[in-house]
Each structure stands twice: as C-alpha cells, then as structure tokens.
Amino acid sequence: MRTLEWQAERGALRLIDQRALPSELRFIELTSAGEVAQAIREMTVRGAPAIGVAAAFGLALAARHSRANSTGELLSDLHSNAALLRAARPTAVNLGWAIDGTLRVARGAASGTVEDIRRRVLDEAQRLANEDVDTNRRMAAYGADLVRDGDTIIHHCNTGALAVVDYGTALGVVRAAHEQGKRVHVLVDETRPRLQGARLTAWELGELGIPYHIITDGAAGHFLHRGQVQLVLVGGDRVAANGDLANKIGTYMLALAARANRIPFYCVVPLSTIDHSCPDGSAIPIEERDPSEVLELEVHGQRVTPRAAQARNPAFDVTPNELVTAWVTERGIVRAPFAANLAHLLAQGGPA
C-alpha cells in the first residue's frame, strides 16, 4: 500500500489522509494542483519525499486540466501551478527538487504537442514515485548494517512509509533490521506539537509488529543518559552542502543529548534531500506554522494554555553537521568530513 498513488481510470491522485491516523485509515482523491498544494500545506500528506512526489503529480493534474491550445500556453500554466505548489511548505528541499525536475521534462517535450507534454509530465511523476520506493529500500539495506540485534533506538517524528511513497527512510532502517530478524525496540518521541511520532510512527510500528514505547520529547535525554539507547535515527527535510541538517523541531536537542552521552546519531536521507546551493544551515528557510497548533492543545476536554497566551511554532530546527555521526543514503554511508566524502561517493558510484 503506497502513501500516494495515481488513479489512471479517474485521473486523480489518491493518498492517505494522515490527519485521520491512527483512529482511521482514510483515503482521499485530489484532482487539481490547488488541492495538492492545500494537502501539502495542511499536512494531509507530509514527509519531504512524499510531498515532492505529490507536487510532481500536482503538475500532472495541472497539465491534464489545462485549457492550453499550444505548448507555450501549457508551459506557462505549469509554471504558475509550480509556484503555487512550491509555496505550500518552504523547508523541504525535495518539494522544489521534484517540481524543478518535472518542469525540465515538460520543457524538454515542448517541441512536440500539448498531449506530449501531458504524457511526459505524468510519466515523470510516476517515475519519481517508483524511484522513491527503490531509493528507500536501498537506504534501509545500508542503514540496517548499523543496527545490532537487541538494539534500542530513539526515533524522532515520522520517517516511515507515510513520509515517503513506500517503505521509509530512518524508520525504513528499523523495518529492514526487523525483517532481517534482528530484535529491535524503538523509543518513539511524541514529536510535538502535531505528534507525528505518537500518532504516525507508533501506528506504523504496530502494523509492522515492531516493539516500541512512546516517550515525551523531553524524556529522550533521560534514556540516553542511563545507557538504555544504542543509537538515534532521524530523517531530514534539507541537508546543506556542509552537512548541516534541517529536520523536525526537536532534532537539534536530541542530537545534543546524543553527543553528550556518546550515542551515535544517524540521519537517513536520499541524495535528493541534499541542497548543494545551500552552503550551511543558516541559509535554510525555517517554516513557522500557525501558533494555534501549540495554543489549542486540549487535555481532558480543556484547553491547556491561557486564552491570552501567544506562541512561536517553528516546524524545523537546524542540527550542525558536527553532531551527526553519519548520513545514510541510497549510495552508501557518508561520514565526516561530509562535503569531501559525499563528492567521493558520487564520483566513485559507491560508498565513501
């Protein structure tokens, strides 16, 4: 079951509505680029790889419904819809990467007909979806070598099949280790304020039959300090050229606690998440979401915060590269110095 999938017979993008989990596994169908942008913005679909592929299918929907009579008009329509999709969430680099790649394919087909462009854009979106699944499985195979039988792992946010097209990034590593027969246990950070860990990661682990306990975000340091954790696994929404990591808010504090207790901290990301145009973490745009996500929390039916309270709600933070033990990619495991070893990895076509 894929998180998102093209429905050819209806010309629609079908995806899991992640807002309904874990109480309900609900599917919705989107038929326009505007609906896809809204789904990304409202986190109906989330996870850097997933929203990138969703945006590519959004452009396929834009091409399908465009009334353009010429290839030039269709390209103009696609660029307008690309701007709408790109603005949905600013931090995840996969979003812009998928949009830019799909637009290149569209421009490459401009010497043909309007129908040629429509077909090529849809084919590219489907190619990205299939490639994502293959990439995740290869990353998981490399990462599983870092996991020993009996390990306890702290995991932040959600990086499983729900965050991608299928299988997962950091949680995919846990899944692969489990499928190899290794006994693993996961401490699942709640991941406030939207609780992607408590809602989504816990649901996925339950479906996979992998033992876990949910912990509050602030409890991670306790378990690290007591020696009850062997490694930390996270995903990433954007990695700068120097290896600084933008990921779900709370990742930086988790990395600091791991370093203080000499616990390996691994980031599992596809190469598409690395932004070579971004020199370091200070250049990564950080999305700040609606304060209501923090302020309108209820416990036992009662609002927790005072009515007059204000809040700040950054969705991501930046972890400096020196706090990352290694990056797990589809081409192998990359260790510091990041920039040099990544270049070696790409040049050699294999692990650095």
Protein backbone atom coordinates (compact mmCIF):
# COMPACT_ATOMS: atom_id res chain seq x y z
CA MET A 1 0.00 0.00 0.00
CA ARG A 2 1.52 3.29 -1.11
CA THR A 3 1.08 6.56 0.75
CA LEU A 4 0.10 8.15 -2.55
CA GLU A 5 -0.74 6.65 -5.92
CA TRP A 6 -2.02 7.77 -9.31
CA GLN A 7 -5.51 6.55 -10.23
CA ALA A 8 -5.36 6.34 -14.01
CA GLU A 9 -9.01 5.42 -14.51
CA ARG A 10 -10.18 8.56 -12.69
CA GLY A 11 -7.29 10.88 -13.41
CA ALA A 12 -6.75 11.59 -9.71
CA LEU A 13 -4.06 11.36 -7.05
CA ARG A 14 -5.13 9.04 -4.24
CA LEU A 15 -3.40 9.44 -0.90
CA ILE A 16 -3.70 8.55 2.76
CA ASP A 17 -5.16 11.40 4.81
CA GLN A 18 -2.57 11.42 7.58
CA ARG A 19 -4.64 13.78 9.73
CA ALA A 20 -7.08 10.93 10.43
CA LEU A 21 -4.49 8.46 11.73
CA PRO A 22 -4.28 6.49 13.94
CA SER A 23 -8.03 6.29 14.56
CA GLU A 24 -8.94 5.89 10.90
CA LEU A 25 -7.15 4.82 7.71
CA ARG A 26 -8.82 7.22 5.29
CA PHE A 27 -8.05 7.79 1.60
CA ILE A 28 -8.85 10.93 -0.37
CA GLU A 29 -8.56 11.77 -4.05
CA LEU A 30 -7.18 15.05 -5.39
CA THR A 31 -7.98 16.28 -8.87
CA SER A 32 -6.16 19.63 -9.15
CA ALA A 33 -2.80 21.21 -8.38
CA GLY A 34 -4.57 23.55 -5.95
CA GLU A 35 -5.93 20.61 -3.98
CA VAL A 36 -2.47 19.04 -3.87
CA ALA A 37 -0.95 22.32 -2.60
CA GLN A 38 -3.62 22.51 0.10
CA ALA A 39 -2.98 18.89 1.11
CA ILE A 40 0.73 19.64 1.47
CA ARG A 41 0.13 22.86 3.39
CA GLU A 42 -2.37 21.23 5.80
CA MET A 43 -0.15 18.15 6.24
CA THR A 44 -2.74 15.79 4.82
CA VAL A 45 0.35 14.44 3.08
CA ARG A 46 3.70 15.08 4.77
CA GLY A 47 7.31 13.95 4.79
CA ALA A 48 9.88 15.51 2.47
CA PRO A 49 9.99 12.71 -0.17
CA ALA A 50 6.20 12.28 -0.16
CA ILE A 51 5.41 15.95 -0.69
CA GLY A 52 7.95 16.11 -3.51
CA VAL A 53 6.27 13.28 -5.38
CA ALA A 54 2.83 14.69 -4.56
CA ALA A 55 3.86 18.01 -6.12
CA ALA A 56 5.00 16.24 -9.30
CA PHE A 57 1.59 14.61 -9.56
CA GLY A 58 0.10 18.05 -8.87
CA LEU A 59 1.80 19.30 -12.03
CA ALA A 60 0.45 16.27 -13.89
CA LEU A 61 -3.04 17.27 -12.76
CA ALA A 62 -2.38 20.87 -13.83
CA ALA A 63 -1.32 19.66 -17.27
CA ARG A 64 -4.32 17.36 -17.52
CA HIS A 65 -6.85 20.11 -16.79
CA SER A 66 -5.14 22.99 -18.59
CA ARG A 67 -7.14 24.50 -21.45
CA ALA A 68 -3.96 25.50 -23.27
CA ASN A 69 -4.04 25.21 -27.05
CA SER A 70 -0.28 25.43 -27.51
CA THR A 71 2.77 24.06 -25.80
CA GLY A 72 3.81 27.59 -24.81
CA GLU A 73 0.50 28.19 -23.06
CA LEU A 74 0.71 24.85 -21.28
CA LEU A 75 4.23 25.56 -20.05
CA SER A 76 3.01 28.89 -18.71
CA ASP A 77 0.18 27.14 -16.87
CA LEU A 78 2.62 24.63 -15.42
CA HIS A 79 4.94 27.36 -14.14
CA SER A 80 2.02 29.14 -12.47
CA ASN A 81 0.92 25.97 -10.73
CA ALA A 82 4.53 25.17 -9.82
CA ALA A 83 4.72 28.46 -7.91
CA LEU A 84 1.54 27.53 -6.02
CA LEU A 85 2.91 24.11 -5.09
CA ARG A 86 6.36 25.43 -4.19
CA ALA A 87 4.90 27.90 -1.70
CA ALA A 88 2.97 25.20 0.19
CA ARG A 89 5.92 24.36 2.50
CA PRO A 90 9.30 26.10 2.23
CA THR A 91 11.78 23.97 4.18
CA ALA A 92 11.75 20.56 2.49
CA VAL A 93 14.14 20.68 -0.47
CA ASN A 94 12.51 17.64 -2.12
CA LEU A 95 9.49 19.79 -2.94
CA GLY A 96 11.44 22.21 -5.14
CA TRP A 97 13.66 19.42 -6.46
CA ALA A 98 10.70 17.41 -7.76
CA ILE A 99 8.98 20.49 -9.19
CA ASP A 100 12.12 21.69 -10.99
CA GLY A 101 12.80 18.25 -12.43
CA THR A 102 9.24 17.86 -13.68
CA LEU A 103 9.32 21.30 -15.29
CA ARG A 104 12.56 20.37 -17.09
CA VAL A 105 10.85 17.30 -18.50
CA ALA A 106 7.92 19.47 -19.64
CA ARG A 107 10.21 21.97 -21.37
CA GLY A 108 12.07 19.09 -23.00
CA ALA A 109 8.82 17.93 -24.59
CA ALA A 110 7.85 21.41 -25.84
CA SER A 111 8.90 20.61 -29.41
CA GLY A 112 6.03 18.15 -29.54
CA THR A 113 2.34 18.61 -28.88
CA VAL A 114 0.30 19.59 -25.83
CA GLU A 115 -0.55 15.92 -25.35
CA ASP A 116 3.14 15.02 -25.48
CA ILE A 117 3.82 17.35 -22.55
CA ARG A 118 0.87 15.99 -20.57
CA ARG A 119 2.06 12.44 -21.07
CA ARG A 120 5.68 13.22 -20.25
CA VAL A 121 4.80 15.10 -17.05
CA LEU A 122 2.65 12.24 -15.78
CA ASP A 123 5.35 9.71 -16.71
CA GLU A 124 7.91 11.75 -14.79
CA ALA A 125 5.72 11.90 -11.69
CA GLN A 126 5.25 8.14 -11.83
CA ARG A 127 8.98 7.64 -12.35
CA LEU A 128 9.72 9.73 -9.26
CA ALA A 129 7.24 7.67 -7.24
CA ASN A 130 8.79 4.36 -8.28
CA GLU A 131 12.31 5.69 -7.80
CA ASP A 132 11.42 6.81 -4.27
CA VAL A 133 10.45 3.28 -3.26
CA ASP A 134 13.66 1.83 -4.71
CA THR A 135 15.75 4.55 -3.04
CA ASN A 136 14.20 3.87 0.36
CA ARG A 137 14.85 0.15 0.15
CA ARG A 138 18.48 0.70 -0.76
CA MET A 139 18.97 3.20 2.08
CA ALA A 140 17.36 0.79 4.50
CA ALA A 141 19.71 -2.01 3.47
CA TYR A 142 22.77 0.17 4.15
CA GLY A 143 21.36 1.52 7.39
CA ALA A 144 20.37 -1.88 8.75
CA ASP A 145 24.08 -2.73 8.98
CA LEU A 146 24.35 -0.07 11.70
CA VAL A 147 21.72 -1.82 13.84
CA ARG A 148 22.70 -4.75 16.06
CA ASP A 149 20.49 -7.48 17.40
CA GLY A 150 18.90 -6.26 20.64
CA ASP A 151 19.40 -2.52 19.99
CA THR A 152 17.07 0.13 21.38
CA ILE A 153 16.65 3.08 19.02
CA ILE A 154 15.30 6.58 19.62
CA HIS A 155 13.36 7.86 16.64
CA HIS A 156 12.01 11.39 16.15
CA CYS A 157 9.00 12.47 14.07
CA ASN A 158 7.76 10.07 11.36
CA THR A 159 10.02 8.72 8.63
CA GLY A 160 8.21 5.52 7.72
CA ALA A 161 6.15 4.63 4.69
CA LEU A 162 3.80 7.52 5.46
CA ALA A 163 6.59 10.06 4.93
CA VAL A 164 7.55 8.69 1.52
CA VAL A 165 5.83 6.80 -1.26
CA ASP A 166 6.56 3.49 0.45
CA TYR A 167 8.92 1.76 2.92
CA GLY A 168 10.54 4.71 4.73
CA THR A 169 13.85 6.45 5.42
CA ALA A 170 15.01 6.29 9.06
CA LEU A 171 12.08 4.10 10.06
CA GLY A 172 12.82 2.08 6.92
CA VAL A 173 16.18 1.21 8.51
CA VAL A 174 14.35 -0.09 11.58
CA ARG A 175 11.98 -2.01 9.34
CA ALA A 176 14.84 -3.61 7.37
CA ALA A 177 16.65 -4.63 10.56
CA HIS A 178 13.42 -6.18 11.86
CA GLU A 179 12.91 -8.05 8.59
CA GLN A 180 16.46 -9.41 8.91
CA GLY A 181 15.42 -11.00 12.19
CA LYS A 182 17.16 -8.54 14.49
CA ARG A 183 15.36 -7.86 17.76
CA VAL A 184 14.93 -4.09 17.93
CA HIS A 185 12.98 -1.83 20.23
CA VAL A 186 12.03 1.77 19.43
CA LEU A 187 11.55 4.69 21.80
CA VAL A 188 9.19 6.93 19.85
CA ASP A 189 9.40 10.66 20.52
CA GLU A 190 5.90 12.12 20.59
CA THR A 191 7.15 14.95 18.35
CA ARG A 192 5.15 17.95 19.48
CA PRO A 193 3.10 19.85 18.60
CA ARG A 194 1.49 17.71 15.86
CA LEU A 195 2.53 14.39 17.43
CA GLN A 196 3.78 12.71 14.27
CA GLY A 197 5.65 10.22 16.43
CA ALA A 198 2.84 9.34 18.81
CA ARG A 199 0.22 9.21 16.05
CA LEU A 200 2.01 8.01 12.92
CA THR A 201 5.27 6.29 13.84
CA ALA A 202 3.59 4.34 16.64
CA TRP A 203 0.83 3.28 14.24
CA GLU A 204 3.34 2.12 11.63
CA LEU A 205 5.44 0.19 14.14
CA GLY A 206 2.29 -1.52 15.42
CA GLU A 207 1.34 -2.52 11.89
CA LEU A 208 4.84 -3.94 11.35
CA GLY A 209 4.91 -5.80 14.66
CA ILE A 210 7.98 -3.93 15.94
CA PRO A 211 8.09 -3.36 19.74
CA TYR A 212 8.02 0.28 20.85
CA HIS A 213 7.26 2.68 23.66
CA ILE A 214 6.10 6.26 23.17
CA ILE A 215 8.08 8.81 25.18
CA THR A 216 7.73 12.56 25.58
CA ASP A 217 10.26 14.56 23.58
CA GLY A 218 11.86 15.76 26.80
CA ALA A 219 12.39 12.20 28.06
CA ALA A 220 14.92 11.26 25.37
CA GLY A 221 17.87 12.64 27.34
CA HIS A 222 16.90 10.51 30.35
CA PHE A 223 17.11 7.26 28.40
CA LEU A 224 20.31 8.31 26.60
CA HIS A 225 21.99 9.24 29.90
CA ARG A 226 21.02 5.92 31.52
CA GLY A 227 22.65 3.92 28.72
CA GLN A 228 19.36 2.43 27.59
CA VAL A 229 19.74 3.54 23.93
CA GLN A 230 22.27 2.30 21.38
CA LEU A 231 21.59 4.70 18.51
CA VAL A 232 19.39 7.58 17.33
CA LEU A 233 17.80 7.58 13.88
CA VAL A 234 16.20 10.61 12.20
CA GLY A 235 15.30 11.65 8.69
CA GLY A 236 15.82 15.08 7.16
CA ASP A 237 13.97 17.74 5.21
CA ARG A 238 17.02 19.58 3.89
CA VAL A 239 20.75 18.97 4.22
CA ALA A 240 23.09 21.86 3.43
CA ALA A 241 26.26 21.35 1.39
CA ASN A 242 28.35 21.28 4.57
CA GLY A 243 26.12 18.66 6.21
CA ASP A 244 24.02 20.88 8.47
CA LEU A 245 20.62 19.22 8.86
CA ALA A 246 17.16 20.78 8.89
CA ASN A 247 14.65 18.38 10.39
CA LYS A 248 11.54 18.35 12.58
CA ILE A 249 11.73 20.67 15.56
CA GLY A 250 13.39 18.93 18.50
CA THR A 251 16.05 17.20 16.39
CA TYR A 252 18.78 19.63 17.48
CA MET A 253 18.19 19.00 21.20
CA LEU A 254 18.12 15.25 20.55
CA ALA A 255 21.45 15.47 18.70
CA LEU A 256 23.00 17.45 21.57
CA ALA A 257 21.84 14.85 24.09
CA ALA A 258 23.17 12.02 21.93
CA ARG A 259 26.58 13.69 21.58
CA ALA A 260 26.78 14.38 25.32
CA ASN A 261 26.18 10.69 26.01
CA ARG A 262 28.36 9.38 23.15
CA ILE A 263 25.47 7.71 21.36
CA PRO A 264 25.62 7.52 17.53
CA PHE A 265 23.25 9.93 15.79
CA TYR A 266 22.41 8.88 12.23
CA CYS A 267 20.46 10.80 9.62
CA VAL A 268 18.85 8.78 6.83
CA VAL A 269 18.18 10.86 3.71
CA PRO A 270 18.07 10.35 -0.06
CA LEU A 271 20.60 12.34 -2.07
CA SER A 272 17.71 14.49 -3.34
CA THR A 273 17.46 15.97 0.17
CA ILE A 274 20.94 17.49 -0.10
CA ASP A 275 20.79 21.10 -1.26
CA HIS A 276 24.13 21.87 -2.89
CA SER A 277 23.07 25.50 -3.42
CA CYS A 278 22.76 25.97 0.35
CA PRO A 279 26.25 26.41 1.90
CA ASP A 280 25.24 25.83 5.52
CA GLY A 281 22.29 25.63 7.87
CA SER A 282 21.96 29.38 8.33
CA ALA A 283 20.71 29.62 4.74
CA ILE A 284 17.91 27.07 5.19
CA PRO A 285 14.43 28.66 5.38
CA ILE A 286 12.60 27.54 8.51
CA GLU A 287 8.83 27.23 8.23
CA GLU A 288 6.92 28.76 11.13
CA ARG A 289 3.44 27.35 11.39
CA ASP A 290 0.20 28.65 12.89
CA PRO A 291 0.54 29.23 16.67
CA SER A 292 -2.84 27.56 17.13
CA GLU A 293 -1.09 24.18 16.76
CA VAL A 294 0.59 24.95 20.11
CA LEU A 295 -2.08 27.04 21.81
CA GLU A 296 -5.19 24.98 21.15
CA LEU A 297 -4.00 21.76 22.76
CA GLU A 298 -6.67 20.21 24.96
CA VAL A 299 -6.32 17.71 27.81
CA HIS A 300 -9.46 16.03 29.18
CA GLY A 301 -11.52 18.38 27.02
CA GLN A 302 -9.97 21.54 28.47
CA ARG A 303 -7.64 23.98 26.77
CA VAL A 304 -4.17 23.86 28.38
CA THR A 305 -2.97 27.39 27.62
CA PRO A 306 -4.38 30.74 28.82
CA ARG A 307 -6.69 32.42 26.30
CA ALA A 308 -4.39 35.43 26.10
CA ALA A 309 -1.24 33.36 25.54
CA GLN A 310 0.88 33.75 22.43
CA ALA A 311 3.18 31.13 20.90
CA ARG A 312 6.02 30.57 18.46
CA ASN A 313 5.79 27.45 16.34
CA PRO A 314 8.86 26.72 14.18
CA ALA A 315 8.30 23.42 12.35
CA PHE A 316 12.01 22.63 11.98
CA ASP A 317 15.39 23.33 13.53
CA VAL A 318 18.94 23.04 12.23
CA THR A 319 21.41 20.49 13.64
CA PRO A 320 25.08 21.40 12.96
CA ASN A 321 26.93 18.77 10.93
CA GLU A 322 29.43 18.02 13.71
CA LEU A 323 26.62 16.46 15.76
CA VAL A 324 25.79 13.92 13.03
CA THR A 325 27.70 10.65 13.23
CA ALA A 326 26.92 9.67 9.63
CA TRP A 327 24.43 10.12 6.82
CA VAL A 328 22.79 7.04 5.32
CA THR A 329 21.98 7.49 1.62
CA GLU A 330 20.91 5.25 -1.23
CA ARG A 331 24.54 5.20 -2.38
CA GLY A 332 26.06 4.29 0.96
CA ILE A 333 27.01 5.63 4.37
CA VAL A 334 28.75 9.02 4.40
CA ARG A 335 30.86 10.13 7.35
CA ALA A 336 32.59 13.41 8.15
CA PRO A 337 34.02 15.41 6.50
CA PHE A 338 30.66 15.44 4.74
CA ALA A 339 31.36 17.59 1.67
CA ALA A 340 34.53 15.72 0.69
CA ASN A 341 33.15 12.25 1.32
CA LEU A 342 29.90 12.94 -0.49
CA ALA A 343 31.87 14.13 -3.53
CA HIS A 344 33.91 10.91 -3.33
CA LEU A 345 30.74 8.85 -3.05
CA LEU A 346 29.24 10.42 -6.16
CA ALA A 347 32.48 10.19 -8.11
CA GLN A 348 33.10 6.53 -7.27
CA GLY A 349 29.49 5.40 -7.64
CA GLY A 350 29.60 3.61 -4.30
CA PRO A 351 30.12 4.05 -0.56
CA ALA A 352 32.67 6.62 0.58
